[in-house]
Amino acid sequence: MEKAKDLEQLVKVLAENVGMGQSVRYELDTLAYGVLIDFLDISGEEYVYMSELTDNLEEKLKDWQLELIMNQREALTLPNEINPPRTGVQFEWMRDFANRSSKLCLFPI
């Protein structure tokens, strides 16, 4: 779990991560936030869903993986969550952007 230095930075971090398809949990009072991931790649061949972590799994993990899991567990304690928009909504945003951009072009496509 991380903390933003101010509200502007928190909003930017939330927007960037949600825009990249990640769920984000946060708390406005402390400016704490955490980006949630769905699964962890343990070995390049073995994936574990974060919602199904067991305590004995920690024996197999590297230090950075343990740190990631600890951050995930901390983030889950934060009270607010923003989920990314559905894929269809994201495609609509891209379509609308492309349509507006082509109208601004001096040489229509």
PDB file of N, CA and C in Angstrom:
ATOM      1  N   MET A   1       0.852  -1.167   0.000  1.00  0.00           N
ATOM      2  CA  MET A   1       0.000   0.000   0.000  1.00  0.00           C
ATOM      3  C   MET A   1       0.898   1.230   0.000  1.00  0.00           C
ATOM      4  N   GLU A   2       0.500   2.218  -0.763  1.00  0.00           N
ATOM      5  CA  GLU A   2       1.283   3.440  -0.871  1.00  0.00           C
ATOM      6  C   GLU A   2       0.443   4.629  -0.444  1.00  0.00           C
ATOM      7  N   LYS A   3       1.097   5.778  -0.297  1.00  0.00           N
ATOM      8  CA  LYS A   3       0.384   7.006   0.050  1.00  0.00           C
ATOM      9  C   LYS A   3       0.761   8.103  -0.930  1.00  0.00           C
ATOM     10  N   ALA A   4      -0.235   8.836  -1.367  1.00  0.00           N
ATOM     11  CA  ALA A   4      -0.001   9.979  -2.236  1.00  0.00           C
ATOM     12  C   ALA A   4       0.421  11.168  -1.390  1.00  0.00           C
ATOM     13  N   LYS A   5       1.150  12.110  -1.999  1.00  0.00           N
ATOM     14  CA  LYS A   5       1.589  13.286  -1.246  1.00  0.00           C
ATOM     15  C   LYS A   5       0.470  14.305  -1.091  1.00  0.00           C
ATOM     16  N   ASP A   6      -0.498  14.285  -2.023  1.00  0.00           N
ATOM     17  CA  ASP A   6      -1.639  15.198  -1.932  1.00  0.00           C
ATOM     18  C   ASP A   6      -2.809  14.614  -2.727  1.00  0.00           C
ATOM     19  N   LEU A   7      -3.947  15.271  -2.643  1.00  0.00           N
ATOM     20  CA  LEU A   7      -5.156  14.771  -3.299  1.00  0.00           C
ATOM     21  C   LEU A   7      -4.999  14.720  -4.814  1.00  0.00           C
ATOM     22  N   GLU A   8      -4.307  15.685  -5.384  1.00  0.00           N
ATOM     23  CA  GLU A   8      -4.100  15.705  -6.831  1.00  0.00           C
ATOM     24  C   GLU A   8      -3.338  14.467  -7.298  1.00  0.00           C
ATOM     25  N   GLN A   9      -2.298  14.104  -6.571  1.00  0.00           N
ATOM     26  CA  GLN A   9      -1.533  12.912  -6.931  1.00  0.00           C
ATOM     27  C   GLN A   9      -2.381  11.652  -6.769  1.00  0.00           C
ATOM     28  N   LEU A  10      -3.191  11.599  -5.724  1.00  0.00           N
ATOM     29  CA  LEU A  10      -4.055  10.432  -5.516  1.00  0.00           C
ATOM     30  C   LEU A  10      -5.022  10.261  -6.685  1.00  0.00           C
ATOM     31  N   VAL A  11      -5.657  11.342  -7.102  1.00  0.00           N
ATOM     32  CA  VAL A  11      -6.604  11.270  -8.215  1.00  0.00           C
ATOM     33  C   VAL A  11      -5.898  10.825  -9.489  1.00  0.00           C
ATOM     34  N   LYS A  12      -4.698  11.330  -9.716  1.00  0.00           N
ATOM     35  CA  LYS A  12      -3.933  10.950 -10.909  1.00  0.00           C
ATOM     36  C   LYS A  12      -3.600   9.460 -10.893  1.00  0.00           C
ATOM     37  N   VAL A  13      -3.148   8.964  -9.745  1.00  0.00           N
ATOM     38  CA  VAL A  13      -2.802   7.539  -9.617  1.00  0.00           C
ATOM     39  C   VAL A  13      -4.042   6.667  -9.830  1.00  0.00           C
ATOM     40  N   LEU A  14      -5.156   7.065  -9.230  1.00  0.00           N
ATOM     41  CA  LEU A  14      -6.395   6.301  -9.400  1.00  0.00           C
ATOM     42  C   LEU A  14      -6.799   6.258 -10.859  1.00  0.00           C
ATOM     43  N   ALA A  15      -6.785   7.409 -11.520  1.00  0.00           N
ATOM     44  CA  ALA A  15      -7.200   7.485 -12.930  1.00  0.00           C
ATOM     45  C   ALA A  15      -6.281   6.663 -13.825  1.00  0.00           C
ATOM     46  N   GLU A  16      -4.976   6.758 -13.612  1.00  0.00           N
ATOM     47  CA  GLU A  16      -4.030   6.015 -14.444  1.00  0.00           C
ATOM     48  C   GLU A  16      -4.242   4.509 -14.316  1.00  0.00           C
ATOM     49  N   ASN A  17      -4.389   4.035 -13.098  1.00  0.00           N
ATOM     50  CA  ASN A  17      -4.517   2.589 -12.899  1.00  0.00           C
ATOM     51  C   ASN A  17      -5.858   2.051 -13.358  1.00  0.00           C
ATOM     52  N   VAL A  18      -6.928   2.783 -13.104  1.00  0.00           N
ATOM     53  CA  VAL A  18      -8.246   2.347 -13.588  1.00  0.00           C
ATOM     54  C   VAL A  18      -8.251   2.361 -15.112  1.00  0.00           C
ATOM     55  N   GLY A  19      -7.604   3.368 -15.703  1.00  0.00           N
ATOM     56  CA  GLY A  19      -7.501   3.443 -17.160  1.00  0.00           C
ATOM     57  C   GLY A  19      -6.725   2.287 -17.758  1.00  0.00           C
ATOM     58  N   MET A  20      -5.826   1.694 -16.974  1.00  0.00           N
ATOM     59  CA  MET A  20      -5.050   0.546 -17.433  1.00  0.00           C
ATOM     60  C   MET A  20      -5.751  -0.777 -17.115  1.00  0.00           C
ATOM     61  N   GLY A  21      -6.968  -0.696 -16.602  1.00  0.00           N
ATOM     62  CA  GLY A  21      -7.742  -1.906 -16.350  1.00  0.00           C
ATOM     63  C   GLY A  21      -7.564  -2.515 -14.975  1.00  0.00           C
ATOM     64  N   GLN A  22      -6.992  -1.785 -14.036  1.00  0.00           N
ATOM     65  CA  GLN A  22      -6.772  -2.299 -12.693  1.00  0.00           C
ATOM     66  C   GLN A  22      -7.833  -1.767 -11.730  1.00  0.00           C
ATOM     67  N   SER A  23      -8.212  -2.569 -10.766  1.00  0.00           N
ATOM     68  CA  SER A  23      -9.042  -2.095  -9.660  1.00  0.00           C
ATOM     69  C   SER A  23      -8.132  -1.420  -8.647  1.00  0.00           C
ATOM     70  N   VAL A  24      -8.626  -0.358  -8.029  1.00  0.00           N
ATOM     71  CA  VAL A  24      -7.831   0.389  -7.064  1.00  0.00           C
ATOM     72  C   VAL A  24      -8.648   0.607  -5.804  1.00  0.00           C
ATOM     73  N   ARG A  25      -8.029   0.398  -4.667  1.00  0.00           N
ATOM     74  CA  ARG A  25      -8.673   0.689  -3.382  1.00  0.00           C
ATOM     75  C   ARG A  25      -7.967   1.894  -2.780  1.00  0.00           C
ATOM     76  N   TYR A  26      -8.724   2.721  -2.037  1.00  0.00           N
ATOM     77  CA  TYR A  26      -8.138   3.941  -1.499  1.00  0.00           C
ATOM     78  C   TYR A  26      -8.893   4.431  -0.268  1.00  0.00           C
ATOM     79  N   GLU A  27      -8.254   5.367   0.439  1.00  0.00           N
ATOM     80  CA  GLU A  27      -8.874   6.033   1.575  1.00  0.00           C
ATOM     81  C   GLU A  27      -8.528   7.519   1.468  1.00  0.00           C
ATOM     82  N   LEU A  28      -9.538   8.351   1.392  1.00  0.00           N
ATOM     83  CA  LEU A  28      -9.315   9.786   1.219  1.00  0.00           C
ATOM     84  C   LEU A  28      -8.652  10.435   2.428  1.00  0.00           C
ATOM     85  N   ASP A  29      -9.013  10.013   3.619  1.00  0.00           N
ATOM     86  CA  ASP A  29      -8.469  10.651   4.829  1.00  0.00           C
ATOM     87  C   ASP A  29      -6.948  10.540   4.910  1.00  0.00           C
ATOM     88  N   THR A  30      -6.406   9.405   4.533  1.00  0.00           N
ATOM     89  CA  THR A  30      -4.959   9.179   4.655  1.00  0.00           C
ATOM     90  C   THR A  30      -4.228   9.272   3.317  1.00  0.00           C
ATOM     91  N   LEU A  31      -4.962   9.352   2.204  1.00  0.00           N
ATOM     92  CA  LEU A  31      -4.418   9.352   0.839  1.00  0.00           C
ATOM     93  C   LEU A  31      -3.709   8.040   0.509  1.00  0.00           C
ATOM     94  N   ALA A  32      -4.042   6.975   1.238  1.00  0.00           N
ATOM     95  CA  ALA A  32      -3.465   5.658   0.984  1.00  0.00           C
ATOM     96  C   ALA A  32      -4.190   5.007  -0.195  1.00  0.00           C
ATOM     97  N   TYR A  33      -3.454   4.221  -0.964  1.00  0.00           N
ATOM     98  CA  TYR A  33      -4.060   3.513  -2.096  1.00  0.00           C
ATOM     99  C   TYR A  33      -3.292   2.229  -2.372  1.00  0.00           C
ATOM    100  N   GLY A  34      -3.935   1.344  -3.079  1.00  0.00           N
ATOM    101  CA  GLY A  34      -3.305   0.106  -3.498  1.00  0.00           C
ATOM    102  C   GLY A  34      -3.948  -0.391  -4.769  1.00  0.00           C
ATOM    103  N   VAL A  35      -3.135  -0.831  -5.703  1.00  0.00           N
ATOM    104  CA  VAL A  35      -3.620  -1.379  -6.971  1.00  0.00           C
ATOM    105  C   VAL A  35      -3.780  -2.878  -6.784  1.00  0.00           C
ATOM    106  N   LEU A  36      -4.949  -3.393  -7.118  1.00  0.00           N
ATOM    107  CA  LEU A  36      -5.219  -4.822  -6.939  1.00  0.00           C
ATOM    108  C   LEU A  36      -4.878  -5.589  -8.213  1.00  0.00           C
ATOM    109  N   ILE A  37      -4.272  -6.740  -8.034  1.00  0.00           N
ATOM    110  CA  ILE A  37      -4.013  -7.609  -9.172  1.00  0.00           C
ATOM    111  C   ILE A  37      -4.824  -8.883  -8.985  1.00  0.00           C
ATOM    112  N   ASP A  38      -5.166  -9.530 -10.082  1.00  0.00           N
ATOM    113  CA  ASP A  38      -5.994 -10.731 -10.020  1.00  0.00           C
ATOM    114  C   ASP A  38      -5.195 -11.984  -9.705  1.00  0.00           C
ATOM    115  N   PHE A  39      -3.996 -12.084 -10.299  1.00  0.00           N
ATOM    116  CA  PHE A  39      -3.211 -13.290 -10.084  1.00  0.00           C
ATOM    117  C   PHE A  39      -1.730 -12.959 -10.021  1.00  0.00           C
ATOM    118  N   LEU A  40      -0.980 -13.876  -9.449  1.00  0.00           N
ATOM    119  CA  LEU A  40       0.466 -13.726  -9.284  1.00  0.00           C
ATOM    120  C   LEU A  40       1.159 -14.843 -10.055  1.00  0.00           C
ATOM    121  N   ASP A  41       2.121 -14.478 -10.886  1.00  0.00           N
ATOM    122  CA  ASP A  41       2.928 -15.447 -11.621  1.00  0.00           C
ATOM    123  C   ASP A  41       4.038 -15.909 -10.687  1.00  0.00           C
ATOM    124  N   ILE A  42       3.971 -17.136 -10.238  1.00  0.00           N
ATOM    125  CA  ILE A  42       4.942 -17.646  -9.272  1.00  0.00           C
ATOM    126  C   ILE A  42       6.234 -18.076  -9.946  1.00  0.00           C
ATOM    127  N   SER A  43       6.129 -18.798 -11.049  1.00  0.00           N
ATOM    128  CA  SER A  43       7.336 -19.382 -11.627  1.00  0.00           C
ATOM    129  C   SER A  43       7.414 -19.242 -13.141  1.00  0.00           C
ATOM    130  N   GLY A  44       6.516 -18.545 -13.751  1.00  0.00           N
ATOM    131  CA  GLY A  44       6.472 -18.500 -15.207  1.00  0.00           C
ATOM    132  C   GLY A  44       5.580 -19.597 -15.760  1.00  0.00           C
ATOM    133  N   GLU A  45       5.268 -20.566 -14.931  1.00  0.00           N
ATOM    134  CA  GLU A  45       4.405 -21.677 -15.330  1.00  0.00           C
ATOM    135  C   GLU A  45       3.235 -21.842 -14.372  1.00  0.00           C
ATOM    136  N   GLU A  46       3.384 -21.324 -13.168  1.00  0.00           N
ATOM    137  CA  GLU A  46       2.357 -21.507 -12.140  1.00  0.00           C
ATOM    138  C   GLU A  46       1.793 -20.151 -11.743  1.00  0.00           C
ATOM    139  N   TYR A  47       0.482 -19.998 -11.869  1.00  0.00           N
ATOM    140  CA  TYR A  47      -0.204 -18.764 -11.502  1.00  0.00           C
ATOM    141  C   TYR A  47      -1.129 -19.038 -10.324  1.00  0.00           C
ATOM    142  N   VAL A  48      -1.222 -18.080  -9.433  1.00  0.00           N
ATOM    143  CA  VAL A  48      -2.104 -18.210  -8.282  1.00  0.00           C
ATOM    144  C   VAL A  48      -3.018 -16.999  -8.254  1.00  0.00           C
ATOM    145  N   TYR A  49      -4.311 -17.242  -8.146  1.00  0.00           N
ATOM    146  CA  TYR A  49      -5.248 -16.132  -8.014  1.00  0.00           C
ATOM    147  C   TYR A  49      -5.106 -15.533  -6.628  1.00  0.00           C
ATOM    148  N   MET A  50      -5.027 -14.212  -6.565  1.00  0.00           N
ATOM    149  CA  MET A  50      -4.794 -13.532  -5.298  1.00  0.00           C
ATOM    150  C   MET A  50      -5.900 -13.821  -4.282  1.00  0.00           C
ATOM    151  N   SER A  51      -7.096 -14.075  -4.761  1.00  0.00           N
ATOM    152  CA  SER A  51      -8.204 -14.368  -3.845  1.00  0.00           C
ATOM    153  C   SER A  51      -8.107 -15.770  -3.236  1.00  0.00           C
ATOM    154  N   GLU A  52      -7.221 -16.609  -3.775  1.00  0.00           N
ATOM    155  CA  GLU A  52      -7.104 -17.983  -3.305  1.00  0.00           C
ATOM    156  C   GLU A  52      -5.765 -18.263  -2.627  1.00  0.00           C
ATOM    157  N   LEU A  53      -5.089 -17.238  -2.133  1.00  0.00           N
ATOM    158  CA  LEU A  53      -3.787 -17.436  -1.499  1.00  0.00           C
ATOM    159  C   LEU A  53      -3.917 -18.211  -0.201  1.00  0.00           C
ATOM    160  N   THR A  54      -2.991 -19.113   0.005  1.00  0.00           N
ATOM    161  CA  THR A  54      -2.943 -19.861   1.260  1.00  0.00           C
ATOM    162  C   THR A  54      -1.643 -19.516   1.982  1.00  0.00           C
ATOM    163  N   ASP A  55      -1.604 -19.709   3.272  1.00  0.00           N
ATOM    164  CA  ASP A  55      -0.413 -19.372   4.040  1.00  0.00           C
ATOM    165  C   ASP A  55       0.789 -20.244   3.671  1.00  0.00           C
ATOM    166  N   ASN A  56       0.574 -21.508   3.351  1.00  0.00           N
ATOM    167  CA  ASN A  56       1.708 -22.387   3.031  1.00  0.00           C
ATOM    168  C   ASN A  56       2.347 -22.047   1.684  1.00  0.00           C
ATOM    169  N   LEU A  57       1.663 -21.273   0.862  1.00  0.00           N
ATOM    170  CA  LEU A  57       2.212 -20.867  -0.424  1.00  0.00           C
ATOM    171  C   LEU A  57       3.429 -19.960  -0.234  1.00  0.00           C
ATOM    172  N   GLU A  58       3.478 -19.256   0.878  1.00  0.00           N
ATOM    173  CA  GLU A  58       4.541 -18.291   1.106  1.00  0.00           C
ATOM    174  C   GLU A  58       5.928 -18.932   1.111  1.00  0.00           C
ATOM    175  N   GLU A  59       6.010 -20.230   1.343  1.00  0.00           N
ATOM    176  CA  GLU A  59       7.301 -20.922   1.327  1.00  0.00           C
ATOM    177  C   GLU A  59       7.891 -20.969  -0.075  1.00  0.00           C
ATOM    178  N   LYS A  60       7.053 -20.943  -1.105  1.00  0.00           N
ATOM    179  CA  LYS A  60       7.502 -21.036  -2.489  1.00  0.00           C
ATOM    180  C   LYS A  60       7.907 -19.691  -3.087  1.00  0.00           C
ATOM    181  N   LEU A  61       7.563 -18.601  -2.434  1.00  0.00           N
ATOM    182  CA  LEU A  61       7.676 -17.288  -3.048  1.00  0.00           C
ATOM    183  C   LEU A  61       9.008 -16.605  -2.793  1.00  0.00           C
ATOM    184  N   LYS A  62       9.363 -15.729  -3.721  1.00  0.00           N
ATOM    185  CA  LYS A  62      10.551 -14.889  -3.580  1.00  0.00           C
ATOM    186  C   LYS A  62      10.185 -13.660  -2.748  1.00  0.00           C
ATOM    187  N   ASP A  63      11.207 -12.942  -2.281  1.00  0.00           N
ATOM    188  CA  ASP A  63      10.972 -11.771  -1.425  1.00  0.00           C
ATOM    189  C   ASP A  63      10.040 -10.751  -2.074  1.00  0.00           C
ATOM    190  N   TRP A  64      10.272 -10.439  -3.371  1.00  0.00           N
ATOM    191  CA  TRP A  64       9.440  -9.428  -4.019  1.00  0.00           C
ATOM    192  C   TRP A  64       7.998  -9.898  -4.139  1.00  0.00           C
ATOM    193  N   GLN A  65       7.796 -11.199  -4.292  1.00  0.00           N
ATOM    194  CA  GLN A  65       6.442 -11.726  -4.372  1.00  0.00           C
ATOM    195  C   GLN A  65       5.745 -11.634  -3.018  1.00  0.00           C
ATOM    196  N   LEU A  66       6.489 -11.921  -1.955  1.00  0.00           N
ATOM    197  CA  LEU A  66       5.924 -11.790  -0.604  1.00  0.00           C
ATOM    198  C   LEU A  66       5.532 -10.340  -0.321  1.00  0.00           C
ATOM    199  N   GLU A  67       6.385  -9.403  -0.741  1.00  0.00           N
ATOM    200  CA  GLU A  67       6.082  -7.986  -0.549  1.00  0.00           C
ATOM    201  C   GLU A  67       4.819  -7.594  -1.324  1.00  0.00           C
ATOM    202  N   LEU A  68       4.684  -8.105  -2.536  1.00  0.00           N
ATOM    203  CA  LEU A  68       3.494  -7.827  -3.337  1.00  0.00           C
ATOM    204  C   LEU A  68       2.236  -8.350  -2.649  1.00  0.00           C
ATOM    205  N   ILE A  69       2.319  -9.551  -2.100  1.00  0.00           N
ATOM    206  CA  ILE A  69       1.172 -10.133  -1.404  1.00  0.00           C
ATOM    207  C   ILE A  69       0.815  -9.324  -0.159  1.00  0.00           C
ATOM    208  N   MET A  70       1.818  -8.900   0.581  1.00  0.00           N
ATOM    209  CA  MET A  70       1.561  -8.085   1.773  1.00  0.00           C
ATOM    210  C   MET A  70       0.876  -6.776   1.386  1.00  0.00           C
ATOM    211  N   ASN A  71       1.344  -6.157   0.286  1.00  0.00           N
ATOM    212  CA  ASN A  71       0.720  -4.918  -0.193  1.00  0.00           C
ATOM    213  C   ASN A  71      -0.725  -5.153  -0.619  1.00  0.00           C
ATOM    214  N   GLN A  72      -0.977  -6.292  -1.257  1.00  0.00           N
ATOM    215  CA  GLN A  72      -2.337  -6.620  -1.683  1.00  0.00           C
ATOM    216  C   GLN A  72      -3.260  -6.787  -0.473  1.00  0.00           C
ATOM    217  N   ARG A  73      -2.765  -7.497   0.515  1.00  0.00           N
ATOM    218  CA  ARG A  73      -3.582  -7.721   1.719  1.00  0.00           C
ATOM    219  C   ARG A  73      -3.863  -6.403   2.436  1.00  0.00           C
ATOM    220  N   GLU A  74      -2.870  -5.514   2.493  1.00  0.00           N
ATOM    221  CA  GLU A  74      -3.081  -4.194   3.094  1.00  0.00           C
ATOM    222  C   GLU A  74      -4.092  -3.391   2.295  1.00  0.00           C
ATOM    223  N   ALA A  75      -3.957  -3.414   0.975  1.00  0.00           N
ATOM    224  CA  ALA A  75      -4.862  -2.653   0.120  1.00  0.00           C
ATOM    225  C   ALA A  75      -6.308  -3.108   0.285  1.00  0.00           C
ATOM    226  N   LEU A  76      -6.501  -4.384   0.508  1.00  0.00           N
ATOM    227  CA  LEU A  76      -7.863  -4.904   0.679  1.00  0.00           C
ATOM    228  C   LEU A  76      -8.544  -4.368   1.935  1.00  0.00           C
ATOM    229  N   THR A  77      -7.769  -3.799   2.857  1.00  0.00           N
ATOM    230  CA  THR A  77      -8.368  -3.220   4.062  1.00  0.00           C
ATOM    231  C   THR A  77      -8.871  -1.796   3.828  1.00  0.00           C
ATOM    232  N   LEU A  78      -8.497  -1.197   2.712  1.00  0.00           N
ATOM    233  CA  LEU A  78      -8.939   0.171   2.420  1.00  0.00           C
ATOM    234  C   LEU A  78     -10.425   0.180   2.099  1.00  0.00           C
ATOM    235  N   PRO A  79     -11.151   1.228   2.506  1.00  0.00           N
ATOM    236  CA  PRO A  79     -12.613   1.208   2.442  1.00  0.00           C
ATOM    237  C   PRO A  79     -13.258   1.431   1.067  1.00  0.00           C
ATOM    238  N   ASN A  80     -12.558   2.075   0.137  1.00  0.00           N
ATOM    239  CA  ASN A  80     -13.185   2.437  -1.146  1.00  0.00           C
ATOM    240  C   ASN A  80     -12.505   1.718  -2.296  1.00  0.00           C
ATOM    241  N   GLU A  81     -13.311   1.350  -3.288  1.00  0.00           N
ATOM    242  CA  GLU A  81     -12.747   0.658  -4.449  1.00  0.00           C
ATOM    243  C   GLU A  81     -13.335   1.234  -5.735  1.00  0.00           C
ATOM    244  N   ILE A  82     -12.466   1.384  -6.726  1.00  0.00           N
ATOM    245  CA  ILE A  82     -12.891   1.776  -8.070  1.00  0.00           C
ATOM    246  C   ILE A  82     -12.504   0.642  -8.995  1.00  0.00           C
ATOM    247  N   ASN A  83     -13.476   0.119  -9.712  1.00  0.00           N
ATOM    248  CA  ASN A  83     -13.213  -0.942 -10.673  1.00  0.00           C
ATOM    249  C   ASN A  83     -13.111  -0.337 -12.070  1.00  0.00           C
ATOM    250  N   PRO A  84     -12.293  -0.931 -12.925  1.00  0.00           N
ATOM    251  CA  PRO A  84     -12.168  -0.396 -14.281  1.00  0.00           C
ATOM    252  C   PRO A  84     -13.463  -0.584 -15.062  1.00  0.00           C
ATOM    253  N   PRO A  85     -13.698   0.260 -16.049  1.00  0.00           N
ATOM    254  CA  PRO A  85     -14.901   0.096 -16.869  1.00  0.00           C
ATOM    255  C   PRO A  85     -14.819  -1.180 -17.706  1.00  0.00           C
ATOM    256  N   ARG A  86     -15.966  -1.656 -18.106  1.00  0.00           N
ATOM    257  CA  ARG A  86     -16.018  -2.840 -18.968  1.00  0.00           C
ATOM    258  C   ARG A  86     -15.262  -2.566 -20.272  1.00  0.00           C
ATOM    259  N   THR A  87     -14.809  -3.619 -20.907  1.00  0.00           N
ATOM    260  CA  THR A  87     -14.055  -3.503 -22.153  1.00  0.00           C
ATOM    261  C   THR A  87     -14.852  -2.740 -23.210  1.00  0.00           C
ATOM    262  N   GLY A  88     -16.141  -2.990 -23.296  1.00  0.00           N
ATOM    263  CA  GLY A  88     -16.973  -2.305 -24.291  1.00  0.00           C
ATOM    264  C   GLY A  88     -16.976  -0.800 -24.104  1.00  0.00           C
ATOM    265  N   VAL A  89     -16.985  -0.356 -22.869  1.00  0.00           N
ATOM    266  CA  VAL A  89     -16.950   1.085 -22.579  1.00  0.00           C
ATOM    267  C   VAL A  89     -15.611   1.661 -23.017  1.00  0.00           C
ATOM    268  N   GLN A  90     -14.530   0.951 -22.769  1.00  0.00           N
ATOM    269  CA  GLN A  90     -13.212   1.428 -23.176  1.00  0.00           C
ATOM    270  C   GLN A  90     -13.129   1.548 -24.697  1.00  0.00           C
ATOM    271  N   PHE A  91     -13.708   0.603 -25.425  1.00  0.00           N
ATOM    272  CA  PHE A  91     -13.713   0.680 -26.887  1.00  0.00           C
ATOM    273  C   PHE A  91     -14.523   1.891 -27.364  1.00  0.00           C
ATOM    274  N   GLU A  92     -15.624   2.185 -26.685  1.00  0.00           N
ATOM    275  CA  GLU A  92     -16.412   3.366 -27.031  1.00  0.00           C
ATOM    276  C   GLU A  92     -15.589   4.634 -26.833  1.00  0.00           C
ATOM    277  N   TRP A  93     -14.817   4.703 -25.751  1.00  0.00           N
ATOM    278  CA  TRP A  93     -13.955   5.872 -25.515  1.00  0.00           C
ATOM    279  C   TRP A  93     -12.950   6.029 -26.661  1.00  0.00           C
ATOM    280  N   MET A  94     -12.329   4.916 -27.064  1.00  0.00           N
ATOM    281  CA  MET A  94     -11.346   4.975 -28.153  1.00  0.00           C
ATOM    282  C   MET A  94     -11.996   5.394 -29.458  1.00  0.00           C
ATOM    283  N   ARG A  95     -13.186   4.864 -29.742  1.00  0.00           N
ATOM    284  CA  ARG A  95     -13.904   5.230 -30.959  1.00  0.00           C
ATOM    285  C   ARG A  95     -14.228   6.719 -30.969  1.00  0.00           C
ATOM    286  N   ASP A  96     -14.749   7.212 -29.844  1.00  0.00           N
ATOM    287  CA  ASP A  96     -15.091   8.628 -29.744  1.00  0.00           C
ATOM    288  C   ASP A  96     -13.860   9.507 -29.905  1.00  0.00           C
ATOM    289  N   PHE A  97     -12.746   9.099 -29.302  1.00  0.00           N
ATOM    290  CA  PHE A  97     -11.508   9.854 -29.424  1.00  0.00           C
ATOM    291  C   PHE A  97     -11.042   9.886 -30.874  1.00  0.00           C
ATOM    292  N   ALA A  98     -11.082   8.727 -31.533  1.00  0.00           N
ATOM    293  CA  ALA A  98     -10.651   8.664 -32.936  1.00  0.00           C
ATOM    294  C   ALA A  98     -11.549   9.523 -33.817  1.00  0.00           C
ATOM    295  N   ASN A  99     -12.856   9.497 -33.582  1.00  0.00           N
ATOM    296  CA  ASN A  99     -13.771  10.311 -34.371  1.00  0.00           C
ATOM    297  C   ASN A  99     -13.490  11.797 -34.184  1.00  0.00           C
ATOM    298  N   ARG A 100     -13.271  12.230 -32.944  1.00  0.00           N
ATOM    299  CA  ARG A 100     -12.975  13.647 -32.683  1.00  0.00           C
ATOM    300  C   ARG A 100     -11.641  14.038 -33.282  1.00  0.00           C
ATOM    301  N   SER A 101     -10.645  13.167 -33.179  1.00  0.00           N
ATOM    302  CA  SER A 101      -9.309  13.476 -33.698  1.00  0.00           C
ATOM    303  C   SER A 101      -9.331  13.623 -35.209  1.00  0.00           C
ATOM    304  N   SER A 102     -10.084  12.766 -35.897  1.00  0.00           N
ATOM    305  CA  SER A 102     -10.117  12.851 -37.360  1.00  0.00           C
ATOM    306  C   SER A 102     -10.812  14.127 -37.822  1.00  0.00           C
ATOM    307  N   LYS A 103     -11.743  14.665 -37.063  1.00  0.00           N
ATOM    308  CA  LYS A 103     -12.421  15.917 -37.416  1.00  0.00           C
ATOM    309  C   LYS A 103     -11.504  17.120 -37.241  1.00  0.00           C
ATOM    310  N   LEU A 104     -10.508  16.989 -36.348  1.00  0.00           N
ATOM    311  CA  LEU A 104      -9.565  18.078 -36.115  1.00  0.00           C
ATOM    312  C   LEU A 104      -8.427  18.075 -37.107  1.00  0.00           C
ATOM    313  N   CYS A 105      -8.251  16.978 -37.815  1.00  0.00           N
ATOM    314  CA  CYS A 105      -7.146  16.826 -38.754  1.00  0.00           C
ATOM    315  C   CYS A 105      -7.344  17.747 -39.960  1.00  0.00           C
ATOM    316  N   LEU A 106      -6.260  18.432 -40.388  1.00  0.00           N
ATOM    317  CA  LEU A 106      -6.344  19.310 -41.557  1.00  0.00           C
ATOM    318  C   LEU A 106      -6.552  18.532 -42.841  1.00  0.00           C
ATOM    319  N   PHE A 107      -6.038  17.326 -42.864  1.00  0.00           N
ATOM    320  CA  PHE A 107      -6.171  16.478 -44.030  1.00  0.00           C
ATOM    321  C   PHE A 107      -6.981  15.256 -43.632  1.00  0.00           C
ATOM    322  N   PRO A 108      -8.286  15.267 -43.873  1.00  0.00           N
ATOM    323  CA  PRO A 108      -9.147  14.161 -43.435  1.00  0.00           C
ATOM    324  C   PRO A 108      -8.617  12.811 -43.920  1.00  0.00           C
ATOM    325  N   ILE A 109      -8.823  11.856 -43.075  1.00  0.00           N
ATOM    326  CA  ILE A 109      -8.355  10.494 -43.382  1.00  0.00           C
ATOM    327  C   ILE A 109      -9.340   9.812 -44.287  1.00  0.00           C
TER     328      ILE A 109
END
